[in-house]
C-alpha atoms as a PDB file:
ATOM      1  CA  MET A   1       0.278   0.086   0.473  1.00  0.00           C
ATOM      2  CA  ILE A   2       0.932   3.133  -0.690  1.00  0.00           C
ATOM      3  CA  LEU A   3      -0.142   6.241   1.363  1.00  0.00           C
ATOM      4  CA  LEU A   4      -1.018   9.555  -0.287  1.00  0.00           C
ATOM      5  CA  SER A   5       1.678  11.433   1.661  1.00  0.00           C
ATOM      6  CA  ASP A   6       4.312   9.127   0.373  1.00  0.00           C
ATOM      7  CA  PRO A   7       7.127  11.011  -1.748  1.00  0.00           C
ATOM      8  CA  GLN A   8       6.624   8.679  -4.413  1.00  0.00           C
ATOM      9  CA  VAL A   9       2.881  10.770  -4.808  1.00  0.00           C
ATOM     10  CA  ILE A  10       3.574  14.047  -3.197  1.00  0.00           C
ATOM     11  CA  ASN A  11       6.121  14.503  -6.813  1.00  0.00           C
ATOM     12  CA  ILE A  12       4.170  13.839  -8.856  1.00  0.00           C
ATOM     13  CA  PRO A  13       3.688  16.788 -10.938  1.00  0.00           C
ATOM     14  CA  VAL A  14      -0.002  17.986 -11.192  1.00  0.00           C
ATOM     15  CA  GLN A  15      -1.747  19.564 -14.844  1.00  0.00           C
ATOM     16  CA  ASP A  16      -4.797  21.243 -14.480  1.00  0.00           C
ATOM     17  CA  CYS A  17      -7.066  19.378 -17.103  1.00  0.00           C
ATOM     18  CA  GLY A  18      -9.714  22.471 -17.339  1.00  0.00           C
ATOM     19  CA  GLU A  19     -12.663  20.414 -15.754  1.00  0.00           C
ATOM     20  CA  PRO A  20     -15.205  22.419 -14.621  1.00  0.00           C
ATOM     21  CA  LEU A  21     -15.732  22.520 -10.563  1.00  0.00           C
ATOM     22  CA  ALA A  22     -19.258  21.295  -9.394  1.00  0.00           C
ATOM     23  CA  GLU A  23     -20.326  21.557  -5.476  1.00  0.00           C
ATOM     24  CA  ILE A  24     -19.843  18.906  -3.387  1.00  0.00           C
ATOM     25  CA  ALA A  25     -22.794  20.461  -1.713  1.00  0.00           C
ATOM     26  CA  SER A  26     -24.913  18.960  -4.889  1.00  0.00           C
ATOM     27  CA  ALA A  27     -24.151  15.871  -4.017  1.00  0.00           C
ATOM     28  CA  PRO A  28     -25.721  14.692  -0.744  1.00  0.00           C
ATOM     29  CA  GLU A  29     -24.517  11.103  -0.507  1.00  0.00           C
ATOM     30  CA  ILE A  30     -21.398  13.185   0.722  1.00  0.00           C
ATOM     31  CA  ALA A  31     -20.948  14.636   3.546  1.00  0.00           C
ATOM     32  CA  LEU A  32     -19.515  18.109   3.361  1.00  0.00           C
ATOM     33  CA  ASP A  33     -18.086  19.899   6.963  1.00  0.00           C
ATOM     34  CA  LEU A  34     -18.862  23.189   6.451  1.00  0.00           C
ATOM     35  CA  ARG A  35     -17.629  24.194   9.037  1.00  0.00           C
ATOM     36  CA  GLU A  36     -14.157  24.094   7.412  1.00  0.00           C
ATOM     37  CA  ARG A  37     -15.232  26.776   4.901  1.00  0.00           C
ATOM     38  CA  ASP A  38     -12.581  29.483   3.227  1.00  0.00           C
ATOM     39  CA  GLU A  39     -12.816  33.027   2.787  1.00  0.00           C
ATOM     40  CA  ALA A  40     -12.186  32.649  -0.998  1.00  0.00           C
ATOM     41  CA  GLY A  41     -15.036  30.245  -1.501  1.00  0.00           C
ATOM     42  CA  ALA A  42     -12.918  27.528  -2.599  1.00  0.00           C
ATOM     43  CA  TYR A  43     -14.000  24.755  -0.088  1.00  0.00           C
ATOM     44  CA  GLY A  44     -16.246  22.322  -1.153  1.00  0.00           C
ATOM     45  CA  ARG A  45     -15.738  22.223  -4.834  1.00  0.00           C
ATOM     46  CA  ALA A  46     -14.522  19.064  -6.631  1.00  0.00           C
ATOM     47  CA  ARG A  47     -13.797  18.819 -10.462  1.00  0.00           C
ATOM     48  CA  ILE A  48     -17.222  16.747 -12.173  1.00  0.00           C
ATOM     49  CA  GLY A  49     -15.562  13.812 -12.986  1.00  0.00           C
ATOM     50  CA  VAL A  50     -14.238  13.497  -9.792  1.00  0.00           C
ATOM     51  CA  LEU A  51     -17.574  13.525  -7.890  1.00  0.00           C
ATOM     52  CA  GLU A  52     -19.479  11.625 -10.092  1.00  0.00           C
ATOM     53  CA  ARG A  53     -17.121   8.731  -9.350  1.00  0.00           C
ATOM     54  CA  LEU A  54     -17.618   9.283  -5.769  1.00  0.00           C
ATOM     55  CA  ARG A  55     -21.443   9.330  -6.124  1.00  0.00           C
ATOM     56  CA  SER A  56     -20.899   6.354  -8.051  1.00  0.00           C
ATOM     57  CA  ALA A  57     -18.349   4.663  -5.061  1.00  0.00           C
ATOM     58  CA  SER A  58     -21.064   5.607  -2.899  1.00  0.00           C
ATOM     59  CA  GLU A  59     -23.799   3.228  -4.204  1.00  0.00           C
ATOM     60  CA  THR A  60     -21.491   0.500  -3.983  1.00  0.00           C
ATOM     61  CA  LEU A  61     -20.675   1.317   0.299  1.00  0.00           C
ATOM     62  CA  PRO A  62     -22.294  -0.905   2.246  1.00  0.00           C
ATOM     63  CA  ASP A  63     -25.516   1.050   4.729  1.00  0.00           C
ATOM     64  CA  GLY A  64     -23.642   3.142   7.364  1.00  0.00           C
ATOM     65  CA  VAL A  65     -20.408   3.854   5.251  1.00  0.00           C
ATOM     66  CA  GLY A  66     -20.011   7.126   3.361  1.00  0.00           C
ATOM     67  CA  PHE A  67     -17.579   9.982   1.896  1.00  0.00           C
ATOM     68  CA  SER A  68     -16.672  12.757   4.384  1.00  0.00           C
ATOM     69  CA  THR A  69     -15.235  15.308   3.167  1.00  0.00           C
ATOM     70  CA  GLY A  70     -11.856  17.197   5.075  1.00  0.00           C
ATOM     71  CA  SER A  71     -10.697  20.797   4.967  1.00  0.00           C
ATOM     72  CA  ARG A  72      -8.111  22.593   3.347  1.00  0.00           C
ATOM     73  CA  ALA A  73      -5.855  22.567   5.971  1.00  0.00           C
ATOM     74  CA  ALA A  74      -2.227  23.659   6.645  1.00  0.00           C
ATOM     75  CA  SER A  75      -1.061  20.381   6.146  1.00  0.00           C
ATOM     76  CA  ALA A  76      -2.446  18.315   3.105  1.00  0.00           C
ATOM     77  CA  ALA A  77      -1.449  15.149   5.782  1.00  0.00           C
ATOM     78  CA  ALA A  78      -3.617  16.477   8.478  1.00  0.00           C
ATOM     79  CA  ALA A  79      -6.406  17.035   5.863  1.00  0.00           C
ATOM     80  CA  ARG A  80      -6.369  13.235   4.528  1.00  0.00           C
ATOM     81  CA  GLY A  81      -6.153  11.691   8.613  1.00  0.00           C
ATOM     82  CA  ARG A  82      -9.097  13.015   9.675  1.00  0.00           C
ATOM     83  CA  THR A  83     -11.054  12.139   6.728  1.00  0.00           C
ATOM     84  CA  TRP A  84      -9.417   8.837   7.955  1.00  0.00           C
ATOM     85  CA  LEU A  85     -10.363   9.496  11.010  1.00  0.00           C
ATOM     86  CA  LYS A  86     -14.234   9.952  10.200  1.00  0.00           C
ATOM     87  CA  TRP A  87     -14.580   7.003   7.316  1.00  0.00           C
ATOM     88  CA  GLN A  88     -12.936   4.821  10.532  1.00  0.00           C
ATOM     89  CA  GLU A  89     -15.880   6.619  13.102  1.00  0.00           C
ATOM     90  CA  THR A  90     -18.522   6.140  10.127  1.00  0.00           C
ATOM     91  CA  ARG A  91     -17.450   2.259  10.021  1.00  0.00           C
ATOM     92  CA  GLY A  92     -17.095   2.255  14.086  1.00  0.00           C
ATOM     93  CA  GLU A  93     -13.588   1.344  13.962  1.00  0.00           C
ATOM     94  CA  SER A  94     -12.535   4.570  15.968  1.00  0.00           C
ATOM     95  CA  GLN A  95      -9.531   4.018  18.240  1.00  0.00           C
ATOM     96  CA  GLY A  96      -8.865   6.285  20.798  1.00  0.00           C
END
């Protein structure tokens, strides 16, 4: 398994594909934590294709399991960690 925080992943160059953004709130099957909105209004959006794939994937999840968004935190690793913890809590596997 390779984590998103692994340098092999972080060092992959990213290029904008030009695909429009969509509001995550338009997908009720994905929990959006509104407490972490940013002043620029950039939070809560994903590329249309990403949002469609998340919607499709959410339909295959067992009952009681869902996707939850994190924030644009100072540390991307921290954001991924919170998302992972939220996912574990949804599954009832939270530790601590």
